[in-house]
Amino acid sequence: MEKILIADDDREIVQLVAESLEEEGFEIRRAYSGRAVVDALKEKDLDLVLLDIMMPEIDGLEVCRQVRNELMIPIVFLSARDRELDRIIGLEVGGDDYITKPFHIQELVARVKAHLRREKRRNHQANANGPLQFQHLSIDKDTYEVWLEQEKVDLSTKEFQILVYLAENRNQVLSREQIYDAVWGRGEFGDLNTVTVHIKNLRRKIDPFNDLIKTVWGTGYKFVGDHK
């Protein structure tokens, strides 16, 4: 049974979401403060986190910053902050999705299921394939580790999945729509600017000189690394 942590200081929201997800067969854990979230994540047996931003003790953004480098499960922000800048910040600190309040519970459940389906598919594919090796870059799909030269690079789940998708389709121009469909799922709810933000973060971490991920203006992106 897949385990989901719902973290929100609004106990009514936690109860509503918990009941809906329990009806779908998920095991639910609850946290009502940022500190409680950090403690719960130390167990490392969760499959997904629904994380409010405005949390007591430690806000959700800081929680994500603290755990993202060691936690490779999906983190989905729930927030009443609905400005585009807020969404961008949520993604930049390592969130995989950003859902604004008030939300439709059916949409939330659908997104949770979609994230978990993709994690299962990714894990299956990782077990079937070896690392991707390029001249200066190594991508290990089993361990979720990326190495640039001799230095380990910490990526969020979605940054890692985008990098793998680009690398596996080396020298092909991929549109934002293709990348979104491959990483978030075809027909899922979302904003294509999410892709732009994640690729910006990815470049900052692994590609400071823009040698690996090229922008093809008006079309999309292309990974041009040479196999080792």
C-alpha atoms as a PDB file:
ATOM      1  CA  MET A   1       0.000   0.000   0.000  1.00  0.00           C
ATOM      2  CA  GLU A   2       1.433   3.370  -1.035  1.00  0.00           C
ATOM      3  CA  LYS A   3       2.030   5.841   1.787  1.00  0.00           C
ATOM      4  CA  ILE A   4       1.183   9.527   1.468  1.00  0.00           C
ATOM      5  CA  LEU A   5       2.011  12.268   3.961  1.00  0.00           C
ATOM      6  CA  ILE A   6      -0.494  15.133   4.132  1.00  0.00           C
ATOM      7  CA  ALA A   7       1.088  18.184   5.750  1.00  0.00           C
ATOM      8  CA  ASP A   8      -1.108  21.188   6.526  1.00  0.00           C
ATOM      9  CA  ASP A   9      -1.866  23.161   9.673  1.00  0.00           C
ATOM     10  CA  ASP A  10      -5.546  23.259   8.634  1.00  0.00           C
ATOM     11  CA  ARG A  11      -6.859  20.040  10.159  1.00  0.00           C
ATOM     12  CA  GLU A  12     -10.115  20.192   8.189  1.00  0.00           C
ATOM     13  CA  ILE A  13      -8.211  20.168   4.895  1.00  0.00           C
ATOM     14  CA  VAL A  14      -6.032  17.302   6.105  1.00  0.00           C
ATOM     15  CA  GLN A  15      -9.122  15.309   7.076  1.00  0.00           C
ATOM     16  CA  LEU A  16     -10.899  15.998   3.766  1.00  0.00           C
ATOM     17  CA  VAL A  17      -7.893  14.984   1.677  1.00  0.00           C
ATOM     18  CA  ALA A  18      -7.125  11.999   3.895  1.00  0.00           C
ATOM     19  CA  GLU A  19     -10.643  10.592   3.592  1.00  0.00           C
ATOM     20  CA  SER A  20     -10.619  10.937  -0.195  1.00  0.00           C
ATOM     21  CA  LEU A  21      -7.224   9.255  -0.570  1.00  0.00           C
ATOM     22  CA  GLU A  22      -8.031   6.503   1.926  1.00  0.00           C
ATOM     23  CA  GLU A  23     -11.080   5.652  -0.176  1.00  0.00           C
ATOM     24  CA  GLU A  24      -8.645   5.082  -3.057  1.00  0.00           C
ATOM     25  CA  GLY A  25      -6.642   2.610  -0.981  1.00  0.00           C
ATOM     26  CA  PHE A  26      -3.720   4.782   0.142  1.00  0.00           C
ATOM     27  CA  GLU A  27      -2.187   4.725   3.614  1.00  0.00           C
ATOM     28  CA  ILE A  28      -2.260   8.244   5.030  1.00  0.00           C
ATOM     29  CA  ARG A  29       0.016   9.955   7.513  1.00  0.00           C
ATOM     30  CA  ARG A  30      -0.567  13.428   8.866  1.00  0.00           C
ATOM     31  CA  ALA A  31       1.600  16.359   9.935  1.00  0.00           C
ATOM     32  CA  TYR A  32       0.494  19.785  11.151  1.00  0.00           C
ATOM     33  CA  SER A  33       3.791  21.674  11.338  1.00  0.00           C
ATOM     34  CA  GLY A  34       6.950  21.961   9.308  1.00  0.00           C
ATOM     35  CA  ARG A  35       9.000  20.347  12.055  1.00  0.00           C
ATOM     36  CA  ALA A  36       6.648  17.347  12.101  1.00  0.00           C
ATOM     37  CA  VAL A  37       7.087  16.990   8.329  1.00  0.00           C
ATOM     38  CA  VAL A  38      10.882  16.920   8.601  1.00  0.00           C
ATOM     39  CA  ASP A  39      10.649  14.289  11.348  1.00  0.00           C
ATOM     40  CA  ALA A  40       8.206  12.157   9.333  1.00  0.00           C
ATOM     41  CA  LEU A  41      10.438  12.259   6.265  1.00  0.00           C
ATOM     42  CA  LYS A  42      13.381  10.863   8.218  1.00  0.00           C
ATOM     43  CA  GLU A  43      11.657   7.467   8.090  1.00  0.00           C
ATOM     44  CA  LYS A  44      12.161   7.428   4.297  1.00  0.00           C
ATOM     45  CA  ASP A  45       9.249   5.075   3.707  1.00  0.00           C
ATOM     46  CA  LEU A  46       6.813   7.493   2.062  1.00  0.00           C
ATOM     47  CA  ASP A  47       5.777   7.505  -1.590  1.00  0.00           C
ATOM     48  CA  LEU A  48       4.478  11.092  -1.933  1.00  0.00           C
ATOM     49  CA  VAL A  49       4.101  14.275   0.120  1.00  0.00           C
ATOM     50  CA  LEU A  50       1.303  16.841  -0.075  1.00  0.00           C
ATOM     51  CA  LEU A  51       2.853  19.926   1.509  1.00  0.00           C
ATOM     52  CA  ASP A  52       1.233  23.207   2.516  1.00  0.00           C
ATOM     53  CA  ILE A  53       3.460  26.266   2.267  1.00  0.00           C
ATOM     54  CA  MET A  54       2.162  28.332   5.204  1.00  0.00           C
ATOM     55  CA  MET A  55       3.136  25.945   8.003  1.00  0.00           C
ATOM     56  CA  PRO A  56       4.065  26.791  11.616  1.00  0.00           C
ATOM     57  CA  GLU A  57       7.659  26.377  12.867  1.00  0.00           C
ATOM     58  CA  ILE A  58       9.127  25.772   9.380  1.00  0.00           C
ATOM     59  CA  ASP A  59       7.293  26.802   6.221  1.00  0.00           C
ATOM     60  CA  GLY A  60       6.765  24.330   3.400  1.00  0.00           C
ATOM     61  CA  LEU A  61       9.310  25.948   1.097  1.00  0.00           C
ATOM     62  CA  GLU A  62      12.059  25.626   3.693  1.00  0.00           C
ATOM     63  CA  VAL A  63      11.030  22.033   4.429  1.00  0.00           C
ATOM     64  CA  CYS A  64      11.411  21.243   0.736  1.00  0.00           C
ATOM     65  CA  ARG A  65      14.830  22.924   0.611  1.00  0.00           C
ATOM     66  CA  GLN A  66      16.012  20.898   3.599  1.00  0.00           C
ATOM     67  CA  VAL A  67      14.891  17.466   2.384  1.00  0.00           C
ATOM     68  CA  ARG A  68      14.993  17.691  -1.403  1.00  0.00           C
ATOM     69  CA  ASN A  69      18.590  16.595  -1.881  1.00  0.00           C
ATOM     70  CA  GLU A  70      17.988  13.346  -0.008  1.00  0.00           C
ATOM     71  CA  LEU A  71      14.348  12.701  -0.863  1.00  0.00           C
ATOM     72  CA  MET A  72      13.480  11.638  -4.399  1.00  0.00           C
ATOM     73  CA  ILE A  73       9.738  11.088  -4.003  1.00  0.00           C
ATOM     74  CA  PRO A  74       7.196  13.538  -5.469  1.00  0.00           C
ATOM     75  CA  ILE A  75       6.515  16.651  -3.390  1.00  0.00           C
ATOM     76  CA  VAL A  76       3.261  18.403  -4.300  1.00  0.00           C
ATOM     77  CA  PHE A  77       2.691  21.864  -2.840  1.00  0.00           C
ATOM     78  CA  LEU A  78      -0.784  22.908  -1.684  1.00  0.00           C
ATOM     79  CA  SER A  79      -1.090  26.661  -1.268  1.00  0.00           C
ATOM     80  CA  ALA A  80      -3.483  29.587  -1.256  1.00  0.00           C
ATOM     81  CA  ARG A  81      -0.727  31.627  -2.912  1.00  0.00           C
ATOM     82  CA  ASP A  82      -1.775  31.672  -6.545  1.00  0.00           C
ATOM     83  CA  ARG A  83       0.596  34.156  -8.197  1.00  0.00           C
ATOM     84  CA  GLU A  84       2.825  32.865 -10.973  1.00  0.00           C
ATOM     85  CA  LEU A  85       5.889  33.905  -8.935  1.00  0.00           C
ATOM     86  CA  ASP A  86       4.736  31.708  -6.051  1.00  0.00           C
ATOM     87  CA  ARG A  87       4.422  28.732  -8.397  1.00  0.00           C
ATOM     88  CA  ILE A  88       7.886  29.382  -9.788  1.00  0.00           C
ATOM     89  CA  ILE A  89       9.420  29.585  -6.310  1.00  0.00           C
ATOM     90  CA  GLY A  90       7.707  26.335  -5.334  1.00  0.00           C
ATOM     91  CA  LEU A  91       9.166  24.566  -8.342  1.00  0.00           C
ATOM     92  CA  GLU A  92      12.599  26.140  -7.939  1.00  0.00           C
ATOM     93  CA  VAL A  93      13.003  24.854  -4.374  1.00  0.00           C
ATOM     94  CA  GLY A  94      12.281  21.326  -5.599  1.00  0.00           C
ATOM     95  CA  GLY A  95       8.517  20.878  -5.746  1.00  0.00           C
ATOM     96  CA  ASP A  96       7.192  18.534  -8.415  1.00  0.00           C
ATOM     97  CA  ASP A  97       3.750  20.103  -8.652  1.00  0.00           C
ATOM     98  CA  TYR A  98       1.864  23.101  -7.277  1.00  0.00           C
ATOM     99  CA  ILE A  99      -1.874  23.037  -6.570  1.00  0.00           C
ATOM    100  CA  THR A 100      -3.651  26.195  -5.466  1.00  0.00           C
ATOM    101  CA  LYS A 101      -6.388  26.379  -2.848  1.00  0.00           C
ATOM    102  CA  PRO A 102      -9.295  26.046  -3.068  1.00  0.00           C
ATOM    103  CA  PHE A 103      -8.904  22.920  -5.177  1.00  0.00           C
ATOM    104  CA  HIS A 104     -11.246  20.251  -6.490  1.00  0.00           C
ATOM    105  CA  ILE A 105     -10.616  17.105  -4.490  1.00  0.00           C
ATOM    106  CA  GLN A 106     -11.115  14.933  -7.594  1.00  0.00           C
ATOM    107  CA  GLU A 107      -8.344  16.821  -9.397  1.00  0.00           C
ATOM    108  CA  LEU A 108      -6.036  16.459  -6.398  1.00  0.00           C
ATOM    109  CA  VAL A 109      -6.638  12.705  -6.244  1.00  0.00           C
ATOM    110  CA  ALA A 110      -6.071  12.433 -10.007  1.00  0.00           C
ATOM    111  CA  ARG A 111      -2.751  14.268  -9.752  1.00  0.00           C
ATOM    112  CA  VAL A 112      -1.602  12.113  -6.854  1.00  0.00           C
ATOM    113  CA  LYS A 113      -2.381   8.957  -8.822  1.00  0.00           C
ATOM    114  CA  ALA A 114      -0.598  10.329 -11.894  1.00  0.00           C
ATOM    115  CA  HIS A 115       2.566  11.124  -9.920  1.00  0.00           C
ATOM    116  CA  LEU A 116       2.608   7.668  -8.357  1.00  0.00           C
ATOM    117  CA  ARG A 117       2.040   5.943 -11.713  1.00  0.00           C
ATOM    118  CA  ARG A 118       5.001   7.773 -13.177  1.00  0.00           C
ATOM    119  CA  GLU A 119       7.179   6.848 -10.203  1.00  0.00           C
ATOM    120  CA  LYS A 120       6.340   3.167 -10.700  1.00  0.00           C
ATOM    121  CA  ARG A 121       7.084   3.407 -14.410  1.00  0.00           C
ATOM    122  CA  ARG A 122      10.349   5.236 -13.767  1.00  0.00           C
ATOM    123  CA  ASN A 123      11.479   2.661 -11.213  1.00  0.00           C
ATOM    124  CA  HIS A 124      10.694  -0.167 -13.619  1.00  0.00           C
ATOM    125  CA  GLN A 125      12.617   1.500 -16.434  1.00  0.00           C
ATOM    126  CA  ALA A 126      15.550   2.291 -14.147  1.00  0.00           C
ATOM    127  CA  ASN A 127      15.849  -1.338 -13.123  1.00  0.00           C
ATOM    128  CA  ALA A 128      15.907  -2.423 -16.764  1.00  0.00           C
ATOM    129  CA  ASN A 129      18.603  -0.028 -17.964  1.00  0.00           C
ATOM    130  CA  GLY A 130      22.129   0.923 -16.944  1.00  0.00           C
ATOM    131  CA  PRO A 131      23.571   4.399 -16.342  1.00  0.00           C
ATOM    132  CA  LEU A 132      23.700   6.978 -19.128  1.00  0.00           C
ATOM    133  CA  GLN A 133      27.321   7.983 -19.673  1.00  0.00           C
ATOM    134  CA  PHE A 134      28.423  11.140 -21.451  1.00  0.00           C
ATOM    135  CA  GLN A 135      31.756  12.912 -21.699  1.00  0.00           C
ATOM    136  CA  HIS A 136      31.404  14.941 -18.506  1.00  0.00           C
ATOM    137  CA  LEU A 137      28.104  13.641 -17.169  1.00  0.00           C
ATOM    138  CA  SER A 138      26.892  10.372 -15.660  1.00  0.00           C
ATOM    139  CA  ILE A 139      23.204   9.670 -14.988  1.00  0.00           C
ATOM    140  CA  ASP A 140      22.394   6.644 -12.841  1.00  0.00           C
ATOM    141  CA  LYS A 141      18.703   5.829 -13.095  1.00  0.00           C
ATOM    142  CA  ASP A 142      18.905   3.174 -10.368  1.00  0.00           C
ATOM    143  CA  THR A 143      20.216   5.453  -7.647  1.00  0.00           C
ATOM    144  CA  TYR A 144      18.843   8.768  -8.991  1.00  0.00           C
ATOM    145  CA  GLU A 145      22.386  10.119  -8.916  1.00  0.00           C
ATOM    146  CA  VAL A 146      23.915  12.561 -11.380  1.00  0.00           C
ATOM    147  CA  TRP A 147      27.645  13.238 -11.514  1.00  0.00           C
ATOM    148  CA  LEU A 148      29.277  16.137 -13.355  1.00  0.00           C
ATOM    149  CA  GLU A 149      32.988  15.403 -13.648  1.00  0.00           C
ATOM    150  CA  GLN A 150      33.735  14.079 -10.129  1.00  0.00           C
ATOM    151  CA  GLU A 151      31.048  16.102  -8.394  1.00  0.00           C
ATOM    152  CA  LYS A 152      27.614  14.834  -7.423  1.00  0.00           C
ATOM    153  CA  VAL A 153      24.750  17.076  -8.543  1.00  0.00           C
ATOM    154  CA  ASP A 154      21.583  17.238  -6.454  1.00  0.00           C
ATOM    155  CA  LEU A 155      18.427  17.365  -8.576  1.00  0.00           C
ATOM    156  CA  SER A 156      14.744  17.318  -7.746  1.00  0.00           C
ATOM    157  CA  THR A 157      12.633  14.413  -8.992  1.00  0.00           C
ATOM    158  CA  LYS A 158      11.279  16.318 -11.965  1.00  0.00           C
ATOM    159  CA  GLU A 159      14.662  17.822 -12.864  1.00  0.00           C
ATOM    160  CA  PHE A 160      16.106  14.323 -12.904  1.00  0.00           C
ATOM    161  CA  GLN A 161      13.265  12.955 -15.032  1.00  0.00           C
ATOM    162  CA  ILE A 162      13.587  15.801 -17.538  1.00  0.00           C
ATOM    163  CA  LEU A 163      17.336  15.236 -17.786  1.00  0.00           C
ATOM    164  CA  VAL A 164      16.847  11.502 -18.400  1.00  0.00           C
ATOM    165  CA  TYR A 165      14.205  12.166 -21.058  1.00  0.00           C
ATOM    166  CA  LEU A 166      16.419  14.683 -22.855  1.00  0.00           C
ATOM    167  CA  ALA A 167      19.486  12.437 -22.609  1.00  0.00           C
ATOM    168  CA  GLU A 168      17.638   9.361 -23.859  1.00  0.00           C
ATOM    169  CA  ASN A 169      16.510  11.403 -26.866  1.00  0.00           C
ATOM    170  CA  ARG A 170      19.935  12.908 -27.512  1.00  0.00           C
ATOM    171  CA  ASN A 171      20.205  15.288 -30.495  1.00  0.00           C
ATOM    172  CA  GLN A 172      16.433  15.364 -30.955  1.00  0.00           C
ATOM    173  CA  VAL A 173      14.541  18.638 -30.612  1.00  0.00           C
ATOM    174  CA  LEU A 174      11.816  18.170 -28.002  1.00  0.00           C
ATOM    175  CA  SER A 175       9.003  20.660 -27.506  1.00  0.00           C
ATOM    176  CA  ARG A 176       7.783  21.763 -24.093  1.00  0.00           C
ATOM    177  CA  GLU A 177       4.596  19.801 -24.789  1.00  0.00           C
ATOM    178  CA  GLN A 178       6.569  16.599 -25.414  1.00  0.00           C
ATOM    179  CA  ILE A 179       8.632  17.095 -22.273  1.00  0.00           C
ATOM    180  CA  TYR A 180       5.542  17.829 -20.184  1.00  0.00           C
ATOM    181  CA  ASP A 181       3.724  14.755 -21.503  1.00  0.00           C
ATOM    182  CA  ALA A 182       6.748  12.527 -20.853  1.00  0.00           C
ATOM    183  CA  VAL A 183       7.437  13.757 -17.325  1.00  0.00           C
ATOM    184  CA  TRP A 184       4.072  14.889 -15.938  1.00  0.00           C
ATOM    185  CA  GLY A 185       1.840  12.707 -18.102  1.00  0.00           C
ATOM    186  CA  ARG A 186      -0.170  13.136 -21.271  1.00  0.00           C
ATOM    187  CA  GLY A 187      -3.374  15.030 -20.709  1.00  0.00           C
ATOM    188  CA  GLU A 188      -2.529  15.970 -17.130  1.00  0.00           C
ATOM    189  CA  PHE A 189      -3.466  19.346 -15.690  1.00  0.00           C
ATOM    190  CA  GLY A 190      -0.668  21.877 -15.725  1.00  0.00           C
ATOM    191  CA  ASP A 191       1.198  24.820 -17.160  1.00  0.00           C
ATOM    192  CA  LEU A 192       3.927  24.485 -19.795  1.00  0.00           C
ATOM    193  CA  ASN A 193       5.867  27.225 -17.996  1.00  0.00           C
ATOM    194  CA  THR A 194       6.572  24.506 -15.432  1.00  0.00           C
ATOM    195  CA  VAL A 195       8.879  22.911 -18.006  1.00  0.00           C
ATOM    196  CA  THR A 196      10.672  26.209 -18.590  1.00  0.00           C
ATOM    197  CA  VAL A 197      11.285  26.713 -14.866  1.00  0.00           C
ATOM    198  CA  HIS A 198      12.609  23.183 -14.351  1.00  0.00           C
ATOM    199  CA  ILE A 199      14.957  23.386 -17.334  1.00  0.00           C
ATOM    200  CA  LYS A 200      16.247  26.741 -16.079  1.00  0.00           C
ATOM    201  CA  ASN A 201      17.041  25.086 -12.730  1.00  0.00           C
ATOM    202  CA  LEU A 202      18.546  22.063 -14.452  1.00  0.00           C
ATOM    203  CA  ARG A 203      20.868  24.212 -16.534  1.00  0.00           C
ATOM    204  CA  ARG A 204      21.984  26.163 -13.502  1.00  0.00           C
ATOM    205  CA  LYS A 205      22.986  22.928 -11.776  1.00  0.00           C
ATOM    206  CA  ILE A 206      24.547  20.845 -14.548  1.00  0.00           C
ATOM    207  CA  ASP A 207      25.031  23.107 -17.505  1.00  0.00           C
ATOM    208  CA  PRO A 208      26.485  26.486 -16.480  1.00  0.00           C
ATOM    209  CA  PHE A 209      27.998  27.053 -19.925  1.00  0.00           C
ATOM    210  CA  ASN A 210      24.937  25.819 -21.873  1.00  0.00           C
ATOM    211  CA  ASP A 211      26.943  23.101 -23.589  1.00  0.00           C
ATOM    212  CA  LEU A 212      24.544  20.214 -22.979  1.00  0.00           C
ATOM    213  CA  ILE A 213      20.994  21.538 -23.199  1.00  0.00           C
ATOM    214  CA  LYS A 214      20.404  23.783 -26.177  1.00  0.00           C
ATOM    215  CA  THR A 215      17.381  26.009 -26.695  1.00  0.00           C
ATOM    216  CA  VAL A 216      15.921  25.738 -30.180  1.00  0.00           C
ATOM    217  CA  TRP A 217      14.049  29.018 -30.323  1.00  0.00           C
ATOM    218  CA  GLY A 218      10.355  28.707 -31.068  1.00  0.00           C
ATOM    219  CA  THR A 219      10.544  24.918 -30.918  1.00  0.00           C
ATOM    220  CA  GLY A 220      11.960  23.479 -27.702  1.00  0.00           C
ATOM    221  CA  TYR A 221      15.152  21.964 -26.309  1.00  0.00           C
ATOM    222  CA  LYS A 222      17.860  19.548 -27.414  1.00  0.00           C
ATOM    223  CA  PHE A 223      20.427  17.548 -25.427  1.00  0.00           C
ATOM    224  CA  VAL A 224      23.741  17.426 -27.313  1.00  0.00           C
ATOM    225  CA  GLY A 225      26.068  15.517 -24.974  1.00  0.00           C
ATOM    226  CA  ASP A 226      28.443  12.982 -26.553  1.00  0.00           C
ATOM    227  CA  HIS A 227      28.400   9.397 -25.309  1.00  0.00           C
ATOM    228  CA  LYS A 228      31.468   8.401 -23.312  1.00  0.00           C
END
